[in-house]
Amino acid sequence: MRRLFVVVSTLLIAAIACTTSPTGRRQLQLFPSSQMNEMGAAAFLQLQEEVPLANDPVVSRYVDCVANAITTQLPGSRSWEVRVFKDDTANAFALPGGKIGVHTGLLEIATNQDQLATVIGHEIGHVLADHSNERVSTSFATNAGLQVIAALTGGSGSAQQQLAMGLLGVGAQYGILLPFGRVQESEADIIGLQLMAQAGFDPRASVTLWENMDKAGGSQPPEFLSTHPSHGTRIKRLQQEMPAAMRLYQQAQAAGRRPTCRQ
């Protein structure tokens, strides 16, 4: 009876916590946004303690300009905090609670405002789609599933239990978590493409940006074992979404939204 209660409770929680992403995809969210915002703020403070901030005001103003052009088009009154980190890796991130970080190394790859807007829009897309909540919730649900298997197979340390736990662990890693990450990345690409276009940045620069990433990145792991789509897959999907993005871009231009952010 106890085992049945555990199974039913886990399935019921998962069913109730399902929501819909901005692109219409069903997703699991177990945690309130207020808690995710607190986690994002704490992580952002920790990063600033561990990684030095760039001390070039010109670079900071440039990144602020691109980020602000995008965030001002978002609904609501959330204020976004932007920081440039002195780090040679070509990376950027956005966290729940309105936190944006850009590494100086990214500016070597994203060579103009439109390419930088591609990355910042993508990272903001993760926040708008609550991907952090989804990832944490999926991990939590996976761990709960492991506990259910332990309860159903009975007896700690049995060969049957160890086999079941091992199979579920491998299945969760390669059958749920990694492919799930690729879905999120592709979704953030689409949302980011729309955001940059609405802000007046040329969406065609997104393809150039990922071509630059491809040249700079060298060999990639097989797509099956990566949480990110391959650069070729990414570019193909962006090209498929480009007609709709170009319409948004033309509307932004007609409305006078023409960012002029210079490094």
C-alpha atoms as a PDB file:
ATOM      1  CA  MET A   1       0.000   0.000   0.000  1.00  0.00           C
ATOM      2  CA  ARG A   2       2.859   2.363   0.863  1.00  0.00           C
ATOM      3  CA  ARG A   3       4.523   1.664  -2.484  1.00  0.00           C
ATOM      4  CA  LEU A   4       1.297   2.373  -4.337  1.00  0.00           C
ATOM      5  CA  PHE A   5       0.932   5.679  -2.468  1.00  0.00           C
ATOM      6  CA  VAL A   6       4.463   6.716  -3.474  1.00  0.00           C
ATOM      7  CA  VAL A   7       3.821   5.922  -7.140  1.00  0.00           C
ATOM      8  CA  VAL A   8       0.421   7.644  -7.263  1.00  0.00           C
ATOM      9  CA  SER A   9       1.713  10.713  -5.402  1.00  0.00           C
ATOM     10  CA  THR A  10       4.666  11.118  -7.759  1.00  0.00           C
ATOM     11  CA  LEU A  11       2.495  10.813 -10.873  1.00  0.00           C
ATOM     12  CA  LEU A  12      -0.128  13.184  -9.472  1.00  0.00           C
ATOM     13  CA  ILE A  13       2.435  15.881  -8.638  1.00  0.00           C
ATOM     14  CA  ALA A  14       3.948  15.606 -12.122  1.00  0.00           C
ATOM     15  CA  ALA A  15       0.524  15.865 -13.783  1.00  0.00           C
ATOM     16  CA  ILE A  16      -0.543  18.917 -11.782  1.00  0.00           C
ATOM     17  CA  ALA A  17       2.778  20.694 -12.365  1.00  0.00           C
ATOM     18  CA  CYS A  18       2.667  20.512 -16.163  1.00  0.00           C
ATOM     19  CA  THR A  19       2.509  23.916 -17.878  1.00  0.00           C
ATOM     20  CA  THR A  20       2.897  25.219 -21.434  1.00  0.00           C
ATOM     21  CA  SER A  21       5.978  27.020 -22.731  1.00  0.00           C
ATOM     22  CA  PRO A  22       5.827  30.136 -24.978  1.00  0.00           C
ATOM     23  CA  THR A  23       6.074  27.888 -28.048  1.00  0.00           C
ATOM     24  CA  GLY A  24       3.237  25.621 -26.878  1.00  0.00           C
ATOM     25  CA  ARG A  25       5.385  22.782 -25.554  1.00  0.00           C
ATOM     26  CA  ARG A  26       4.297  20.967 -22.409  1.00  0.00           C
ATOM     27  CA  GLN A  27       6.822  21.274 -19.588  1.00  0.00           C
ATOM     28  CA  LEU A  28       7.221  20.302 -15.954  1.00  0.00           C
ATOM     29  CA  GLN A  29       7.466  23.057 -13.319  1.00  0.00           C
ATOM     30  CA  LEU A  30       7.430  22.070  -9.680  1.00  0.00           C
ATOM     31  CA  PHE A  31       8.776  25.247  -8.066  1.00  0.00           C
ATOM     32  CA  PRO A  32       7.259  28.748  -7.666  1.00  0.00           C
ATOM     33  CA  SER A  33       8.806  31.561  -9.704  1.00  0.00           C
ATOM     34  CA  SER A  34       9.670  33.438  -6.501  1.00  0.00           C
ATOM     35  CA  GLN A  35      11.916  30.592  -5.421  1.00  0.00           C
ATOM     36  CA  MET A  36      13.575  30.408  -8.835  1.00  0.00           C
ATOM     37  CA  ASN A  37      14.175  34.184  -8.748  1.00  0.00           C
ATOM     38  CA  GLU A  38      15.875  33.834  -5.365  1.00  0.00           C
ATOM     39  CA  MET A  39      18.061  31.052  -6.704  1.00  0.00           C
ATOM     40  CA  GLY A  40      18.964  33.164  -9.744  1.00  0.00           C
ATOM     41  CA  ALA A  41      19.877  36.183  -7.632  1.00  0.00           C
ATOM     42  CA  ALA A  42      22.010  34.074  -5.294  1.00  0.00           C
ATOM     43  CA  ALA A  43      23.828  32.431  -8.205  1.00  0.00           C
ATOM     44  CA  PHE A  44      24.461  35.830  -9.811  1.00  0.00           C
ATOM     45  CA  LEU A  45      26.013  37.198  -6.614  1.00  0.00           C
ATOM     46  CA  GLN A  46      28.179  34.116  -6.260  1.00  0.00           C
ATOM     47  CA  LEU A  47      29.422  34.444  -9.832  1.00  0.00           C
ATOM     48  CA  GLN A  48      30.405  38.058  -9.218  1.00  0.00           C
ATOM     49  CA  GLU A  49      32.446  36.922  -6.224  1.00  0.00           C
ATOM     50  CA  GLU A  50      34.198  34.180  -8.175  1.00  0.00           C
ATOM     51  CA  VAL A  51      34.713  35.776 -11.610  1.00  0.00           C
ATOM     52  CA  PRO A  52      36.153  39.297 -12.035  1.00  0.00           C
ATOM     53  CA  LEU A  53      34.040  41.901 -13.777  1.00  0.00           C
ATOM     54  CA  ALA A  54      35.330  43.647 -16.886  1.00  0.00           C
ATOM     55  CA  ASN A  55      36.584  47.131 -16.029  1.00  0.00           C
ATOM     56  CA  ASP A  56      36.202  48.674 -19.482  1.00  0.00           C
ATOM     57  CA  PRO A  57      33.274  51.130 -19.382  1.00  0.00           C
ATOM     58  CA  VAL A  58      33.025  51.172 -23.184  1.00  0.00           C
ATOM     59  CA  VAL A  59      32.445  47.413 -23.285  1.00  0.00           C
ATOM     60  CA  SER A  60      29.943  47.602 -20.427  1.00  0.00           C
ATOM     61  CA  ARG A  61      27.960  50.365 -22.142  1.00  0.00           C
ATOM     62  CA  TYR A  62      27.939  48.405 -25.387  1.00  0.00           C
ATOM     63  CA  VAL A  63      26.596  45.217 -23.773  1.00  0.00           C
ATOM     64  CA  ASP A  64      24.087  47.242 -21.734  1.00  0.00           C
ATOM     65  CA  CYS A  65      22.869  48.924 -24.910  1.00  0.00           C
ATOM     66  CA  VAL A  66      22.187  45.615 -26.671  1.00  0.00           C
ATOM     67  CA  ALA A  67      20.585  43.989 -23.626  1.00  0.00           C
ATOM     68  CA  ASN A  68      18.420  47.012 -22.823  1.00  0.00           C
ATOM     69  CA  ALA A  69      17.165  47.266 -26.404  1.00  0.00           C
ATOM     70  CA  ILE A  70      15.815  43.731 -26.040  1.00  0.00           C
ATOM     71  CA  THR A  71      14.503  43.886 -22.471  1.00  0.00           C
ATOM     72  CA  THR A  72      12.584  47.127 -23.056  1.00  0.00           C
ATOM     73  CA  GLN A  73      10.410  45.224 -25.538  1.00  0.00           C
ATOM     74  CA  LEU A  74       9.420  42.625 -22.957  1.00  0.00           C
ATOM     75  CA  PRO A  75       6.045  42.791 -21.208  1.00  0.00           C
ATOM     76  CA  GLY A  76       5.925  43.723 -17.539  1.00  0.00           C
ATOM     77  CA  SER A  77       8.035  46.049 -15.438  1.00  0.00           C
ATOM     78  CA  ARG A  78      10.912  43.744 -14.478  1.00  0.00           C
ATOM     79  CA  SER A  79      14.291  45.468 -14.361  1.00  0.00           C
ATOM     80  CA  TRP A  80      17.231  43.489 -15.711  1.00  0.00           C
ATOM     81  CA  GLU A  81      20.722  43.626 -14.201  1.00  0.00           C
ATOM     82  CA  VAL A  82      23.549  43.251 -16.736  1.00  0.00           C
ATOM     83  CA  ARG A  83      27.184  42.444 -15.949  1.00  0.00           C
ATOM     84  CA  VAL A  84      30.190  41.795 -18.172  1.00  0.00           C
ATOM     85  CA  PHE A  85      32.557  39.157 -16.807  1.00  0.00           C
ATOM     86  CA  LYS A  86      36.241  39.049 -17.631  1.00  0.00           C
ATOM     87  CA  ASP A  87      36.319  35.535 -19.009  1.00  0.00           C
ATOM     88  CA  ASP A  88      37.820  34.360 -22.301  1.00  0.00           C
ATOM     89  CA  THR A  89      35.126  31.768 -22.990  1.00  0.00           C
ATOM     90  CA  ALA A  90      32.533  32.667 -25.637  1.00  0.00           C
ATOM     91  CA  ASN A  91      29.579  32.490 -23.320  1.00  0.00           C
ATOM     92  CA  ALA A  92      26.637  34.412 -21.886  1.00  0.00           C
ATOM     93  CA  PHE A  93      23.759  33.544 -19.585  1.00  0.00           C
ATOM     94  CA  ALA A  94      20.517  34.862 -18.146  1.00  0.00           C
ATOM     95  CA  LEU A  95      19.104  33.801 -14.806  1.00  0.00           C
ATOM     96  CA  PRO A  96      15.642  33.901 -13.237  1.00  0.00           C
ATOM     97  CA  GLY A  97      15.040  37.214 -11.518  1.00  0.00           C
ATOM     98  CA  GLY A  98      16.303  39.328 -14.428  1.00  0.00           C
ATOM     99  CA  LYS A  99      20.064  38.714 -14.354  1.00  0.00           C
ATOM    100  CA  ILE A 100      22.215  38.778 -17.504  1.00  0.00           C
ATOM    101  CA  GLY A 101      25.915  37.972 -17.743  1.00  0.00           C
ATOM    102  CA  VAL A 102      28.155  38.259 -20.799  1.00  0.00           C
ATOM    103  CA  HIS A 103      31.737  36.989 -21.010  1.00  0.00           C
ATOM    104  CA  THR A 104      34.319  39.187 -22.711  1.00  0.00           C
ATOM    105  CA  GLY A 105      35.328  36.165 -24.804  1.00  0.00           C
ATOM    106  CA  LEU A 106      31.949  36.233 -26.513  1.00  0.00           C
ATOM    107  CA  LEU A 107      32.752  39.629 -28.004  1.00  0.00           C
ATOM    108  CA  GLU A 108      35.523  37.978 -30.033  1.00  0.00           C
ATOM    109  CA  ILE A 109      32.925  35.753 -31.715  1.00  0.00           C
ATOM    110  CA  ALA A 110      29.889  38.043 -31.779  1.00  0.00           C
ATOM    111  CA  THR A 111      31.516  40.789 -33.811  1.00  0.00           C
ATOM    112  CA  ASN A 112      28.627  43.277 -34.029  1.00  0.00           C
ATOM    113  CA  GLN A 113      25.494  44.325 -32.165  1.00  0.00           C
ATOM    114  CA  ASP A 114      23.194  42.011 -34.115  1.00  0.00           C
ATOM    115  CA  GLN A 115      25.296  38.930 -33.393  1.00  0.00           C
ATOM    116  CA  LEU A 116      25.529  39.847 -29.712  1.00  0.00           C
ATOM    117  CA  ALA A 117      21.751  40.356 -29.670  1.00  0.00           C
ATOM    118  CA  THR A 118      21.408  36.793 -30.994  1.00  0.00           C
ATOM    119  CA  VAL A 119      23.099  35.388 -27.907  1.00  0.00           C
ATOM    120  CA  ILE A 120      21.494  37.719 -25.374  1.00  0.00           C
ATOM    121  CA  GLY A 121      18.057  37.140 -26.901  1.00  0.00           C
ATOM    122  CA  HIS A 122      18.649  33.396 -26.732  1.00  0.00           C
ATOM    123  CA  GLU A 123      19.621  33.551 -23.058  1.00  0.00           C
ATOM    124  CA  ILE A 124      16.627  35.737 -22.178  1.00  0.00           C
ATOM    125  CA  GLY A 125      14.512  33.173 -24.046  1.00  0.00           C
ATOM    126  CA  HIS A 126      15.590  30.563 -21.508  1.00  0.00           C
ATOM    127  CA  VAL A 127      14.272  32.784 -18.706  1.00  0.00           C
ATOM    128  CA  LEU A 128      10.987  33.620 -20.433  1.00  0.00           C
ATOM    129  CA  ALA A 129      10.356  29.924 -21.049  1.00  0.00           C
ATOM    130  CA  ASP A 130      11.185  29.054 -17.407  1.00  0.00           C
ATOM    131  CA  HIS A 131      13.803  26.560 -18.531  1.00  0.00           C
ATOM    132  CA  SER A 132      15.680  26.726 -15.222  1.00  0.00           C
ATOM    133  CA  ASN A 133      12.533  25.682 -13.371  1.00  0.00           C
ATOM    134  CA  GLU A 134      11.995  22.937 -15.910  1.00  0.00           C
ATOM    135  CA  ARG A 135      15.529  21.598 -15.549  1.00  0.00           C
ATOM    136  CA  VAL A 136      15.417  21.656 -11.742  1.00  0.00           C
ATOM    137  CA  SER A 137      11.964  20.059 -11.775  1.00  0.00           C
ATOM    138  CA  THR A 138      13.068  17.329 -14.179  1.00  0.00           C
ATOM    139  CA  SER A 139      16.069  16.537 -12.002  1.00  0.00           C
ATOM    140  CA  PHE A 140      13.853  16.468  -8.919  1.00  0.00           C
ATOM    141  CA  ALA A 141      11.312  14.198 -10.608  1.00  0.00           C
ATOM    142  CA  THR A 142      14.092  11.900 -11.829  1.00  0.00           C
ATOM    143  CA  ASN A 143      15.426  11.526  -8.296  1.00  0.00           C
ATOM    144  CA  ALA A 144      11.890  10.855  -7.082  1.00  0.00           C
ATOM    145  CA  GLY A 145      11.602   8.157  -9.751  1.00  0.00           C
ATOM    146  CA  LEU A 146      14.782   6.516  -8.478  1.00  0.00           C
ATOM    147  CA  GLN A 147      13.293   6.441  -4.989  1.00  0.00           C
ATOM    148  CA  VAL A 148      10.098   4.881  -6.351  1.00  0.00           C
ATOM    149  CA  ILE A 149      12.166   2.137  -8.021  1.00  0.00           C
ATOM    150  CA  ALA A 150      13.946   1.537  -4.728  1.00  0.00           C
ATOM    151  CA  ALA A 151      10.605   1.221  -2.931  1.00  0.00           C
ATOM    152  CA  LEU A 152       9.118  -1.112  -5.563  1.00  0.00           C
ATOM    153  CA  THR A 153      12.105  -3.453  -5.798  1.00  0.00           C
ATOM    154  CA  GLY A 154      12.466  -3.581  -2.006  1.00  0.00           C
ATOM    155  CA  GLY A 155      15.467  -4.370   0.119  1.00  0.00           C
ATOM    156  CA  SER A 156      18.482  -2.074  -0.122  1.00  0.00           C
ATOM    157  CA  GLY A 157      21.502  -3.478  -1.854  1.00  0.00           C
ATOM    158  CA  SER A 158      19.749  -6.319  -3.680  1.00  0.00           C
ATOM    159  CA  ALA A 159      21.011  -7.231  -7.138  1.00  0.00           C
ATOM    160  CA  GLN A 160      17.533  -6.562  -8.554  1.00  0.00           C
ATOM    161  CA  GLN A 161      17.392  -3.092  -7.042  1.00  0.00           C
ATOM    162  CA  GLN A 162      20.894  -2.156  -8.200  1.00  0.00           C
ATOM    163  CA  LEU A 163      20.074  -3.279 -11.747  1.00  0.00           C
ATOM    164  CA  ALA A 164      16.794  -1.322 -11.819  1.00  0.00           C
ATOM    165  CA  MET A 165      18.423   1.812 -10.381  1.00  0.00           C
ATOM    166  CA  GLY A 166      21.262   1.585 -12.899  1.00  0.00           C
ATOM    167  CA  LEU A 167      18.924   1.177 -15.869  1.00  0.00           C
ATOM    168  CA  LEU A 168      16.747   4.107 -14.810  1.00  0.00           C
ATOM    169  CA  GLY A 169      19.808   6.266 -14.149  1.00  0.00           C
ATOM    170  CA  VAL A 170      21.226   5.637 -17.628  1.00  0.00           C
ATOM    171  CA  GLY A 171      17.809   6.078 -19.211  1.00  0.00           C
ATOM    172  CA  ALA A 172      17.256   9.370 -17.425  1.00  0.00           C
ATOM    173  CA  GLN A 173      20.669  10.678 -18.446  1.00  0.00           C
ATOM    174  CA  TYR A 174      20.559   9.770 -22.128  1.00  0.00           C
ATOM    175  CA  GLY A 175      16.831   9.366 -22.705  1.00  0.00           C
ATOM    176  CA  ILE A 176      15.399  12.322 -20.782  1.00  0.00           C
ATOM    177  CA  LEU A 177      17.840  14.920 -19.505  1.00  0.00           C
ATOM    178  CA  LEU A 178      20.163  15.392 -22.487  1.00  0.00           C
ATOM    179  CA  PRO A 179      17.504  15.334 -25.251  1.00  0.00           C
ATOM    180  CA  PHE A 180      15.365  17.545 -23.050  1.00  0.00           C
ATOM    181  CA  GLY A 181      18.215  20.049 -22.943  1.00  0.00           C
ATOM    182  CA  ARG A 182      18.409  20.109 -26.726  1.00  0.00           C
ATOM    183  CA  VAL A 183      14.679  20.860 -26.915  1.00  0.00           C
ATOM    184  CA  GLN A 184      15.170  23.783 -24.556  1.00  0.00           C
ATOM    185  CA  GLU A 185      18.105  25.109 -26.546  1.00  0.00           C
ATOM    186  CA  SER A 186      16.135  24.979 -29.797  1.00  0.00           C
ATOM    187  CA  GLU A 187      13.183  26.675 -28.123  1.00  0.00           C
ATOM    188  CA  ALA A 188      15.429  29.446 -26.786  1.00  0.00           C
ATOM    189  CA  ASP A 189      16.830  29.915 -30.306  1.00  0.00           C
ATOM    190  CA  ILE A 190      13.322  30.573 -31.648  1.00  0.00           C
ATOM    191  CA  ILE A 191      12.321  32.877 -28.809  1.00  0.00           C
ATOM    192  CA  GLY A 192      15.630  34.738 -29.038  1.00  0.00           C
ATOM    193  CA  LEU A 193      15.266  35.184 -32.781  1.00  0.00           C
ATOM    194  CA  GLN A 194      11.858  36.768 -32.257  1.00  0.00           C
ATOM    195  CA  LEU A 195      13.101  38.987 -29.421  1.00  0.00           C
ATOM    196  CA  MET A 196      16.067  40.381 -31.346  1.00  0.00           C
ATOM    197  CA  ALA A 197      13.907  41.047 -34.399  1.00  0.00           C
ATOM    198  CA  GLN A 198      11.248  42.829 -32.347  1.00  0.00           C
ATOM    199  CA  ALA A 199      13.973  45.010 -30.821  1.00  0.00           C
ATOM    200  CA  GLY A 200      15.205  46.030 -34.278  1.00  0.00           C
ATOM    201  CA  PHE A 201      18.283  43.799 -34.579  1.00  0.00           C
ATOM    202  CA  ASP A 202      18.806  42.009 -37.892  1.00  0.00           C
ATOM    203  CA  PRO A 203      17.814  38.342 -37.339  1.00  0.00           C
ATOM    204  CA  ARG A 204      19.938  37.230 -40.288  1.00  0.00           C
ATOM    205  CA  ALA A 205      22.973  37.862 -38.078  1.00  0.00           C
ATOM    206  CA  SER A 206      21.965  34.818 -36.015  1.00  0.00           C
ATOM    207  CA  VAL A 207      23.129  32.504 -38.799  1.00  0.00           C
ATOM    208  CA  THR A 208      26.448  34.348 -39.075  1.00  0.00           C
ATOM    209  CA  LEU A 209      26.919  34.143 -35.321  1.00  0.00           C
ATOM    210  CA  TRP A 210      26.561  30.375 -35.272  1.00  0.00           C
ATOM    211  CA  GLU A 211      28.822  30.062 -38.297  1.00  0.00           C
ATOM    212  CA  ASN A 212      31.408  32.004 -36.286  1.00  0.00           C
ATOM    213  CA  MET A 213      30.828  29.674 -33.348  1.00  0.00           C
ATOM    214  CA  ASP A 214      31.315  26.693 -35.626  1.00  0.00           C
ATOM    215  CA  LYS A 215      34.657  28.011 -36.875  1.00  0.00           C
ATOM    216  CA  ALA A 216      35.863  28.854 -33.374  1.00  0.00           C
ATOM    217  CA  GLY A 217      34.559  25.737 -31.650  1.00  0.00           C
ATOM    218  CA  GLY A 218      36.453  23.045 -33.528  1.00  0.00           C
ATOM    219  CA  SER A 219      35.173  19.500 -33.129  1.00  0.00           C
ATOM    220  CA  GLN A 220      31.921  18.960 -31.256  1.00  0.00           C
ATOM    221  CA  PRO A 221      30.700  15.866 -29.400  1.00  0.00           C
ATOM    222  CA  PRO A 222      28.069  13.766 -31.195  1.00  0.00           C
ATOM    223  CA  GLU A 223      24.711  15.532 -31.063  1.00  0.00           C
ATOM    224  CA  PHE A 224      23.157  12.511 -29.343  1.00  0.00           C
ATOM    225  CA  LEU A 225      25.482  13.014 -26.351  1.00  0.00           C
ATOM    226  CA  SER A 226      25.225  16.803 -26.190  1.00  0.00           C
ATOM    227  CA  THR A 227      22.784  19.089 -24.435  1.00  0.00           C
ATOM    228  CA  HIS A 228      23.084  21.550 -27.318  1.00  0.00           C
ATOM    229  CA  PRO A 229      22.028  21.064 -30.934  1.00  0.00           C
ATOM    230  CA  SER A 230      24.892  20.842 -33.407  1.00  0.00           C
ATOM    231  CA  HIS A 231      25.740  24.125 -35.090  1.00  0.00           C
ATOM    232  CA  GLY A 232      24.438  22.769 -38.403  1.00  0.00           C
ATOM    233  CA  THR A 233      21.116  21.769 -36.864  1.00  0.00           C
ATOM    234  CA  ARG A 234      20.860  25.125 -35.158  1.00  0.00           C
ATOM    235  CA  ILE A 235      21.521  27.085 -38.346  1.00  0.00           C
ATOM    236  CA  LYS A 236      18.995  25.014 -40.308  1.00  0.00           C
ATOM    237  CA  ARG A 237      16.281  25.668 -37.721  1.00  0.00           C
ATOM    238  CA  LEU A 238      17.059  29.399 -37.642  1.00  0.00           C
ATOM    239  CA  GLN A 239      16.787  29.557 -41.416  1.00  0.00           C
ATOM    240  CA  GLN A 240      13.384  27.866 -41.229  1.00  0.00           C
ATOM    241  CA  GLU A 241      12.186  30.512 -38.752  1.00  0.00           C
ATOM    242  CA  MET A 242      13.778  33.417 -40.647  1.00  0.00           C
ATOM    243  CA  PRO A 243      10.768  34.531 -42.772  1.00  0.00           C
ATOM    244  CA  ALA A 244       8.645  35.142 -39.656  1.00  0.00           C
ATOM    245  CA  ALA A 245      11.569  36.841 -37.909  1.00  0.00           C
ATOM    246  CA  MET A 246      12.164  39.110 -40.890  1.00  0.00           C
ATOM    247  CA  ARG A 247       8.557  40.279 -40.739  1.00  0.00           C
ATOM    248  CA  LEU A 248       9.036  41.242 -37.089  1.00  0.00           C
ATOM    249  CA  TYR A 249      12.293  42.979 -37.986  1.00  0.00           C
ATOM    250  CA  GLN A 250      10.653  44.988 -40.759  1.00  0.00           C
ATOM    251  CA  GLN A 251       7.846  46.003 -38.400  1.00  0.00           C
ATOM    252  CA  ALA A 252      10.409  47.152 -35.838  1.00  0.00           C
ATOM    253  CA  GLN A 253      12.264  49.160 -38.461  1.00  0.00           C
ATOM    254  CA  ALA A 254       9.024  50.777 -39.593  1.00  0.00           C
ATOM    255  CA  ALA A 255       8.288  51.689 -35.966  1.00  0.00           C
ATOM    256  CA  GLY A 256      11.683  53.382 -35.655  1.00  0.00           C
ATOM    257  CA  ARG A 257      13.385  50.722 -33.547  1.00  0.00           C
ATOM    258  CA  ARG A 258      16.937  50.852 -34.907  1.00  0.00           C
ATOM    259  CA  PRO A 259      19.473  50.191 -32.115  1.00  0.00           C
ATOM    260  CA  THR A 260      22.899  51.824 -32.552  1.00  0.00           C
ATOM    261  CA  CYS A 261      25.104  50.043 -30.035  1.00  0.00           C
ATOM    262  CA  ARG A 262      28.821  50.443 -30.708  1.00  0.00           C
ATOM    263  CA  GLN A 263      31.799  48.933 -28.984  1.00  0.00           C
END
